C-alpha atoms as a PDB file:
ATOM      1  CA  MET A   1     -77.665-103.169 -13.919  1.00  0.00           C
ATOM      2  CA  SER A   2     -78.748 -99.658 -12.933  1.00  0.00           C
ATOM      3  CA  LYS A   3     -79.857 -97.282 -15.668  1.00  0.00           C
ATOM      4  CA  LEU A   4     -78.473 -93.863 -14.862  1.00  0.00           C
ATOM      5  CA  LEU A   5     -78.627 -90.427 -16.455  1.00  0.00           C
ATOM      6  CA  LEU A   6     -75.349 -88.518 -16.163  1.00  0.00           C
ATOM      7  CA  SER A   7     -75.757 -84.725 -16.404  1.00  0.00           C
ATOM      8  CA  LEU A   8     -73.018 -82.156 -16.979  1.00  0.00           C
ATOM      9  CA  GLU A   9     -73.215 -78.408 -16.356  1.00  0.00           C
ATOM     10  CA  THR A  10     -70.182 -76.412 -17.551  1.00  0.00           C
ATOM     11  CA  SER A  11     -71.754 -73.193 -18.860  1.00  0.00           C
ATOM     12  CA  SER A  12     -70.578 -71.073 -15.909  1.00  0.00           C
ATOM     13  CA  PRO A  13     -67.583 -70.973 -13.522  1.00  0.00           C
ATOM     14  CA  VAL A  14     -69.296 -73.786 -11.594  1.00  0.00           C
ATOM     15  CA  CYS A  15     -68.421 -77.253 -12.892  1.00  0.00           C
ATOM     16  CA  SER A  16     -71.306 -79.511 -11.870  1.00  0.00           C
ATOM     17  CA  VAL A  17     -72.095 -83.214 -12.358  1.00  0.00           C
ATOM     18  CA  ALA A  18     -75.198 -85.177 -11.313  1.00  0.00           C
ATOM     19  CA  LEU A  19     -76.601 -88.699 -11.536  1.00  0.00           C
ATOM     20  CA  HIS A  20     -80.323 -89.522 -11.716  1.00  0.00           C
ATOM     21  CA  HIS A  21     -82.019 -92.880 -11.889  1.00  0.00           C
ATOM     22  CA  LEU A  22     -83.705 -92.998 -15.294  1.00  0.00           C
ATOM     23  CA  GLU A  23     -86.664 -95.123 -14.255  1.00  0.00           C
ATOM     24  CA  THR A  24     -87.574 -93.488 -10.946  1.00  0.00           C
ATOM     25  CA  GLY A  25     -86.158 -89.992 -11.477  1.00  0.00           C
ATOM     26  CA  ARG A  26     -84.415 -90.218  -8.101  1.00  0.00           C
ATOM     27  CA  LEU A  27     -81.309 -88.086  -7.634  1.00  0.00           C
ATOM     28  CA  VAL A  28     -78.483 -90.539  -6.955  1.00  0.00           C
ATOM     29  CA  GLY A  29     -75.694 -88.033  -6.331  1.00  0.00           C
ATOM     30  CA  GLN A  30     -74.184 -84.706  -7.285  1.00  0.00           C
ATOM     31  CA  THR A  31     -70.873 -82.903  -7.048  1.00  0.00           C
ATOM     32  CA  GLU A  32     -69.551 -79.512  -8.104  1.00  0.00           C
ATOM     33  CA  LEU A  33     -66.376 -77.467  -8.146  1.00  0.00           C
ATOM     34  CA  ARG A  34     -66.326 -73.675  -7.948  1.00  0.00           C
ATOM     35  CA  LEU A  35     -62.954 -72.867  -9.446  1.00  0.00           C
ATOM     36  CA  GLU A  36     -62.455 -70.515 -12.390  1.00  0.00           C
ATOM     37  CA  LYS A  37     -61.186 -72.149 -15.593  1.00  0.00           C
ATOM     38  CA  SER A  38     -60.997 -75.608 -14.031  1.00  0.00           C
ATOM     39  CA  HIS A  39     -63.462 -77.490 -16.219  1.00  0.00           C
ATOM     40  CA  SER A  40     -60.964 -78.978 -18.666  1.00  0.00           C
ATOM     41  CA  SER A  41     -58.778 -80.459 -15.934  1.00  0.00           C
ATOM     42  CA  HIS A  42     -61.459 -81.487 -13.423  1.00  0.00           C
ATOM     43  CA  LEU A  43     -64.614 -82.551 -15.281  1.00  0.00           C
ATOM     44  CA  SER A  44     -63.481 -86.121 -15.981  1.00  0.00           C
ATOM     45  CA  LEU A  45     -62.247 -86.468 -12.416  1.00  0.00           C
ATOM     46  CA  LEU A  46     -65.574 -85.239 -11.001  1.00  0.00           C
ATOM     47  CA  ILE A  47     -67.444 -87.788 -13.119  1.00  0.00           C
ATOM     48  CA  SER A  48     -65.168 -90.624 -11.973  1.00  0.00           C
ATOM     49  CA  GLN A  49     -65.388 -89.619  -8.322  1.00  0.00           C
ATOM     50  CA  LEU A  50     -69.184 -89.305  -8.400  1.00  0.00           C
ATOM     51  CA  LEU A  51     -69.564 -92.737  -9.958  1.00  0.00           C
ATOM     52  CA  GLU A  52     -67.160 -94.246  -7.442  1.00  0.00           C
ATOM     53  CA  ASN A  53     -68.804 -92.538  -4.468  1.00  0.00           C
ATOM     54  CA  THR A  54     -72.245 -93.785  -5.510  1.00  0.00           C
ATOM     55  CA  LEU A  55     -70.922 -97.324  -6.137  1.00  0.00           C
ATOM     56  CA  HIS A  56     -71.515 -97.171  -9.884  1.00  0.00           C
ATOM     57  CA  THR A  57     -69.440 -97.413 -13.047  1.00  0.00           C
ATOM     58  CA  LEU A  58     -69.747 -95.999 -16.558  1.00  0.00           C
ATOM     59  CA  ALA A  59     -71.438 -99.259 -17.545  1.00  0.00           C
ATOM     60  CA  ASP A  60     -74.447 -98.114 -15.486  1.00  0.00           C
ATOM     61  CA  VAL A  61     -74.831 -94.878 -17.459  1.00  0.00           C
ATOM     62  CA  ALA A  62     -77.577 -95.153 -20.091  1.00  0.00           C
ATOM     63  CA  ALA A  63     -77.673 -91.530 -21.287  1.00  0.00           C
ATOM     64  CA  VAL A  64     -75.738 -88.282 -20.924  1.00  0.00           C
ATOM     65  CA  ALA A  65     -77.260 -84.800 -20.687  1.00  0.00           C
ATOM     66  CA  VAL A  66     -75.323 -81.591 -21.131  1.00  0.00           C
ATOM     67  CA  SER A  67     -76.150 -77.953 -20.525  1.00  0.00           C
ATOM     68  CA  ASP A  68     -76.789 -76.584 -24.021  1.00  0.00           C
ATOM     69  CA  GLY A  69     -76.107 -72.888 -23.444  1.00  0.00           C
ATOM     70  CA  PRO A  70     -75.967 -70.004 -23.694  1.00  0.00           C
ATOM     71  CA  GLY A  71     -73.031 -69.383 -21.396  1.00  0.00           C
ATOM     72  CA  SER A  72     -69.256 -69.534 -21.389  1.00  0.00           C
ATOM     73  CA  TYR A  73     -68.037 -70.467 -24.875  1.00  0.00           C
ATOM     74  CA  THR A  74     -65.092 -72.451 -23.541  1.00  0.00           C
ATOM     75  CA  GLY A  75     -67.134 -74.091 -20.795  1.00  0.00           C
ATOM     76  CA  LEU A  76     -69.870 -75.169 -23.205  1.00  0.00           C
ATOM     77  CA  ARG A  77     -67.331 -76.680 -25.601  1.00  0.00           C
ATOM     78  CA  ILE A  78     -65.693 -78.647 -22.782  1.00  0.00           C
ATOM     79  CA  GLY A  79     -69.032 -80.015 -21.617  1.00  0.00           C
ATOM     80  CA  ALA A  80     -70.126 -80.884 -25.163  1.00  0.00           C
ATOM     81  CA  ALA A  81     -66.850 -82.648 -25.931  1.00  0.00           C
ATOM     82  CA  ALA A  82     -67.028 -84.712 -22.747  1.00  0.00           C
ATOM     83  CA  ALA A  83     -70.690 -85.636 -23.285  1.00  0.00           C
ATOM     84  CA  LYS A  84     -70.173 -86.576 -26.932  1.00  0.00           C
ATOM     85  CA  GLY A  85     -67.096 -88.631 -26.095  1.00  0.00           C
ATOM     86  CA  LEU A  86     -68.950 -90.598 -23.439  1.00  0.00           C
ATOM     87  CA  CYS A  87     -71.978 -91.163 -25.649  1.00  0.00           C
ATOM     88  CA  TYR A  88     -69.826 -92.357 -28.540  1.00  0.00           C
ATOM     89  CA  ALA A  89     -67.708 -94.668 -26.384  1.00  0.00           C
ATOM     90  CA  LEU A  90     -70.691 -96.143 -24.532  1.00  0.00           C
ATOM     91  CA  ASP A  91     -73.075 -96.079 -27.522  1.00  0.00           C
ATOM     92  CA  ILE A  92     -75.758 -94.245 -25.541  1.00  0.00           C
ATOM     93  CA  PRO A  93     -77.997 -91.250 -26.391  1.00  0.00           C
ATOM     94  CA  LEU A  94     -77.134 -87.593 -25.904  1.00  0.00           C
ATOM     95  CA  LEU A  95     -79.523 -84.956 -24.530  1.00  0.00           C
ATOM     96  CA  ALA A  96     -79.001 -81.179 -24.499  1.00  0.00           C
ATOM     97  CA  ILE A  97     -80.929 -78.929 -22.100  1.00  0.00           C
ATOM     98  CA  SER A  98     -81.214 -75.144 -22.271  1.00  0.00           C
ATOM     99  CA  THR A  99     -79.076 -73.510 -19.599  1.00  0.00           C
ATOM    100  CA  LEU A 100     -81.632 -70.745 -19.074  1.00  0.00           C
ATOM    101  CA  GLN A 101     -84.606 -73.081 -18.914  1.00  0.00           C
ATOM    102  CA  SER A 102     -82.857 -75.321 -16.382  1.00  0.00           C
ATOM    103  CA  LEU A 103     -82.048 -72.250 -14.259  1.00  0.00           C
ATOM    104  CA  ALA A 104     -85.714 -71.225 -14.340  1.00  0.00           C
ATOM    105  CA  HIS A 105     -86.789 -74.748 -13.373  1.00  0.00           C
ATOM    106  CA  GLN A 106     -84.272 -74.738 -10.533  1.00  0.00           C
ATOM    107  CA  VAL A 107     -85.763 -71.573  -9.026  1.00  0.00           C
ATOM    108  CA  ALA A 108     -89.441 -72.307  -9.726  1.00  0.00           C
ATOM    109  CA  ALA A 109     -89.138 -75.682  -7.993  1.00  0.00           C
ATOM    110  CA  VAL A 110     -88.318 -74.019  -4.655  1.00  0.00           C
ATOM    111  CA  THR A 111     -90.470 -70.876  -4.948  1.00  0.00           C
ATOM    112  CA  ALA A 112     -93.559 -70.477  -2.788  1.00  0.00           C
ATOM    113  CA  ARG A 113     -96.635 -69.888  -4.944  1.00  0.00           C
ATOM    114  CA  PRO A 114     -94.534 -70.241  -8.112  1.00  0.00           C
ATOM    115  CA  GLU A 115     -97.395 -69.352 -10.425  1.00  0.00           C
ATOM    116  CA  GLN A 116     -97.297 -65.704  -9.326  1.00  0.00           C
ATOM    117  CA  TYR A 117     -94.030 -65.029 -11.204  1.00  0.00           C
ATOM    118  CA  LEU A 118     -92.480 -65.165 -14.597  1.00  0.00           C
ATOM    119  CA  TYR A 119     -88.921 -66.452 -14.254  1.00  0.00           C
ATOM    120  CA  CYS A 120     -86.147 -64.510 -15.985  1.00  0.00           C
ATOM    121  CA  PRO A 121     -82.650 -66.007 -15.707  1.00  0.00           C
ATOM    122  CA  MET A 122     -79.855 -63.686 -16.799  1.00  0.00           C
ATOM    123  CA  LEU A 123     -76.315 -64.758 -17.616  1.00  0.00           C
ATOM    124  CA  ASP A 124     -73.511 -62.199 -17.839  1.00  0.00           C
ATOM    125  CA  ALA A 125     -72.471 -61.446 -21.430  1.00  0.00           C
ATOM    126  CA  ARG A 126     -69.959 -58.649 -20.652  1.00  0.00           C
ATOM    127  CA  ARG A 127     -70.499 -54.924 -20.262  1.00  0.00           C
ATOM    128  CA  MET A 128     -74.222 -54.145 -19.917  1.00  0.00           C
ATOM    129  CA  GLU A 129     -75.399 -57.147 -21.912  1.00  0.00           C
ATOM    130  CA  VAL A 130     -76.890 -60.420 -20.678  1.00  0.00           C
ATOM    131  CA  TYR A 131     -78.260 -63.625 -22.131  1.00  0.00           C
ATOM    132  CA  ALA A 132     -81.833 -63.875 -20.902  1.00  0.00           C
ATOM    133  CA  GLY A 133     -85.006 -65.900 -21.306  1.00  0.00           C
ATOM    134  CA  MET A 134     -88.403 -65.892 -19.640  1.00  0.00           C
ATOM    135  CA  TYR A 135     -90.463 -68.850 -18.470  1.00  0.00           C
ATOM    136  CA  GLN A 136     -93.649 -69.687 -16.640  1.00  0.00           C
ATOM    137  CA  ALA A 137     -93.469 -71.883 -13.554  1.00  0.00           C
ATOM    138  CA  ASP A 138     -94.327 -74.980 -15.607  1.00  0.00           C
ATOM    139  CA  GLY A 139     -91.435 -74.318 -17.990  1.00  0.00           C
ATOM    140  CA  THR A 140     -93.460 -72.771 -20.801  1.00  0.00           C
ATOM    141  CA  GLU A 141     -91.226 -70.404 -22.748  1.00  0.00           C
ATOM    142  CA  VAL A 142     -92.452 -66.802 -22.792  1.00  0.00           C
ATOM    143  CA  LEU A 143     -89.277 -65.198 -24.171  1.00  0.00           C
ATOM    144  CA  ALA A 144     -86.805 -67.314 -26.125  1.00  0.00           C
ATOM    145  CA  PRO A 145     -83.127 -66.994 -25.111  1.00  0.00           C
ATOM    146  CA  THR A 146     -81.847 -63.708 -26.455  1.00  0.00           C
ATOM    147  CA  PRO A 147     -79.052 -61.178 -25.884  1.00  0.00           C
ATOM    148  CA  LEU A 148     -80.394 -58.155 -23.988  1.00  0.00           C
ATOM    149  CA  LEU A 149     -78.730 -54.762 -23.690  1.00  0.00           C
ATOM    150  CA  LEU A 150     -79.686 -53.513 -20.242  1.00  0.00           C
ATOM    151  CA  ASP A 151     -81.110 -50.062 -19.582  1.00  0.00           C
ATOM    152  CA  GLU A 152     -84.103 -48.577 -17.756  1.00  0.00           C
ATOM    153  CA  THR A 153     -86.502 -49.626 -20.541  1.00  0.00           C
ATOM    154  CA  THR A 154     -85.438 -53.284 -20.748  1.00  0.00           C
ATOM    155  CA  LEU A 155     -88.438 -55.616 -20.318  1.00  0.00           C
ATOM    156  CA  ALA A 156     -90.610 -52.603 -19.423  1.00  0.00           C
ATOM    157  CA  GLU A 157     -93.644 -54.093 -21.164  1.00  0.00           C
ATOM    158  CA  GLN A 158     -93.403 -57.376 -19.261  1.00  0.00           C
ATOM    159  CA  LEU A 159     -92.765 -55.619 -15.935  1.00  0.00           C
ATOM    160  CA  ALA A 160     -95.865 -53.476 -16.423  1.00  0.00           C
ATOM    161  CA  GLU A 161     -98.069 -56.574 -16.601  1.00  0.00           C
ATOM    162  CA  GLN A 162     -96.689 -59.207 -14.217  1.00  0.00           C
ATOM    163  CA  SER A 163     -94.189 -59.863 -11.427  1.00  0.00           C
ATOM    164  CA  LEU A 164     -90.826 -61.024 -12.744  1.00  0.00           C
ATOM    165  CA  LEU A 165     -88.186 -62.882 -10.756  1.00  0.00           C
ATOM    166  CA  PHE A 166     -84.609 -62.212 -11.904  1.00  0.00           C
ATOM    167  CA  PHE A 167     -81.592 -64.371 -11.045  1.00  0.00           C
ATOM    168  CA  GLY A 168     -78.330 -65.663 -12.460  1.00  0.00           C
ATOM    169  CA  ASN A 169     -74.913 -64.027 -12.580  1.00  0.00           C
ATOM    170  CA  GLY A 170     -76.130 -61.265 -14.914  1.00  0.00           C
ATOM    171  CA  ALA A 171     -79.118 -60.144 -12.843  1.00  0.00           C
ATOM    172  CA  ALA A 172     -77.018 -57.981 -10.510  1.00  0.00           C
ATOM    173  CA  LYS A 173     -76.316 -55.600 -13.410  1.00  0.00           C
ATOM    174  CA  PHE A 174     -80.037 -55.139 -14.005  1.00  0.00           C
ATOM    175  CA  HIS A 175     -81.007 -54.593 -10.380  1.00  0.00           C
ATOM    176  CA  PRO A 176     -79.927 -50.903 -10.082  1.00  0.00           C
ATOM    177  CA  LEU A 177     -81.854 -50.042 -13.253  1.00  0.00           C
ATOM    178  CA  VAL A 178     -85.229 -51.237 -11.925  1.00  0.00           C
ATOM    179  CA  ALA A 179     -84.659 -50.921  -8.182  1.00  0.00           C
ATOM    180  CA  GLY A 180     -87.957 -50.190  -6.471  1.00  0.00           C
ATOM    181  CA  HIS A 181     -90.144 -51.407  -9.325  1.00  0.00           C
ATOM    182  CA  PRO A 182     -93.113 -53.183  -7.688  1.00  0.00           C
ATOM    183  CA  HIS A 183     -93.026 -56.054 -10.182  1.00  0.00           C
ATOM    184  CA  ALA A 184     -89.253 -56.729 -10.113  1.00  0.00           C
ATOM    185  CA  ALA A 185     -87.821 -59.220  -7.607  1.00  0.00           C
ATOM    186  CA  PHE A 186     -84.260 -60.501  -7.478  1.00  0.00           C
ATOM    187  CA  LEU A 187     -82.510 -63.588  -6.124  1.00  0.00           C
ATOM    188  CA  SER A 188     -78.757 -63.730  -5.592  1.00  0.00           C
ATOM    189  CA  GLY A 189     -76.408 -66.696  -5.509  1.00  0.00           C
ATOM    190  CA  ILE A 190     -78.271 -68.766  -8.121  1.00  0.00           C
ATOM    191  CA  GLU A 191     -75.804 -70.765 -10.242  1.00  0.00           C
ATOM    192  CA  PRO A 192     -76.467 -73.305 -13.010  1.00  0.00           C
ATOM    193  CA  SER A 193     -76.680 -76.857 -11.648  1.00  0.00           C
ATOM    194  CA  ALA A 194     -76.368 -80.295 -13.229  1.00  0.00           C
ATOM    195  CA  VAL A 195     -79.207 -81.404 -10.939  1.00  0.00           C
ATOM    196  CA  ALA A 196     -81.647 -79.079 -12.735  1.00  0.00           C
ATOM    197  CA  VAL A 197     -80.241 -80.111 -16.118  1.00  0.00           C
ATOM    198  CA  GLY A 198     -80.871 -83.727 -15.132  1.00  0.00           C
ATOM    199  CA  ALA A 199     -84.416 -83.048 -13.972  1.00  0.00           C
ATOM    200  CA  LEU A 200     -85.379 -81.632 -17.377  1.00  0.00           C
ATOM    201  CA  ALA A 201     -83.333 -84.254 -19.215  1.00  0.00           C
ATOM    202  CA  LEU A 202     -85.367 -87.023 -17.584  1.00  0.00           C
ATOM    203  CA  GLU A 203     -88.462 -85.647 -19.304  1.00  0.00           C
ATOM    204  CA  ALA A 204     -86.597 -85.206 -22.595  1.00  0.00           C
ATOM    205  CA  TYR A 205     -85.349 -88.801 -22.377  1.00  0.00           C
ATOM    206  CA  ARG A 206     -88.897 -90.103 -22.020  1.00  0.00           C
ATOM    207  CA  ARG A 207     -89.844 -88.098 -25.112  1.00  0.00           C
ATOM    208  CA  GLN A 208     -86.734 -89.463 -26.870  1.00  0.00           C
ATOM    209  CA  GLU A 209     -85.500 -85.973 -27.726  1.00  0.00           C
ATOM    210  CA  PHE A 210     -81.986 -87.156 -28.481  1.00  0.00           C
ATOM    211  CA  ARG A 211     -79.284 -85.164 -30.244  1.00  0.00           C
ATOM    212  CA  SER A 212     -76.819 -86.298 -32.862  1.00  0.00           C
ATOM    213  CA  VAL A 213     -73.574 -87.339 -31.193  1.00  0.00           C
ATOM    214  CA  ALA A 214     -71.680 -86.601 -34.392  1.00  0.00           C
ATOM    215  CA  TYR A 215     -73.130 -83.182 -35.220  1.00  0.00           C
ATOM    216  CA  TYR A 216     -74.273 -81.651 -31.928  1.00  0.00           C
ATOM    217  CA  GLU A 217     -72.939 -78.164 -31.157  1.00  0.00           C
ATOM    218  CA  PRO A 218     -73.853 -76.071 -28.094  1.00  0.00           C
ATOM    219  CA  PHE A 219     -76.243 -73.130 -28.407  1.00  0.00           C
ATOM    220  CA  TYR A 220     -73.817 -70.220 -28.092  1.00  0.00           C
ATOM    221  CA  LEU A 221     -76.488 -67.609 -28.986  1.00  0.00           C
ATOM    222  CA  LYS A 222     -73.758 -65.258 -30.260  1.00  0.00           C
ATOM    223  CA  GLU A 223     -70.552 -65.902 -32.139  1.00  0.00           C
ATOM    224  CA  VAL A 224     -67.535 -66.164 -29.895  1.00  0.00           C
ATOM    225  CA  TYR A 225     -65.468 -62.975 -29.619  1.00  0.00           C
ATOM    226  CA  THR A 226     -61.843 -63.470 -30.572  1.00  0.00           C
ATOM    227  CA  THR A 227     -58.899 -61.195 -31.275  1.00  0.00           C
ATOM    228  CA  THR A 228     -56.092 -61.555 -33.794  1.00  0.00           C
ATOM    229  CA  PRO A 229     -52.549 -61.516 -32.390  1.00  0.00           C
ATOM    230  CA  LYS A 230     -50.544 -58.483 -33.486  1.00  0.00           C
ATOM    231  CA  LYS A 231     -47.524 -60.641 -34.255  1.00  0.00           C
END
């Protein structure tokens, strides 16, 4: 029987699923859907289709990894519920991987001379705020995930010392504020991916960094914003 790692990424409008072989680390397959607010109705179907297309079943899945956040509150809850349900039903371990760290890994892995940058993923948090972190090419955390209010002075100290690479769906809001800065570089079109979540989860699995299936909650970073109906 194959031992597979199933990874789920639901923190953004992209709903992404990936399978890795736990022993070799080989990517077995991946699929994603880029439809707004589709996670609740399509995530289970994407998992089933990926398993079928790769000639596997749920019995081959030995662990589930989920994108831990920050990100979309609703998306993170959908991913966490699906991952916890699978882990409980199959009696297998649960892993949770930082959304920002997996984004940084995703970019660093395909960057020429990756050591020349610090990697700063930014996720849109409405208005002029983003969720951001900062990482070295090897994944070492330089700035823990934090909400940042963007203006011309944001990350000025870091930009004065080293080249920073910005990406993610919040980076476009920062670009006009530091346009022309010699140490600021930007990448567009970078979306969270279950493949990157899986790559980091393979390492976490080997370290047995498992999460409680009963008590795990995503890392929202900020409390969800809700309104009270007038009636």
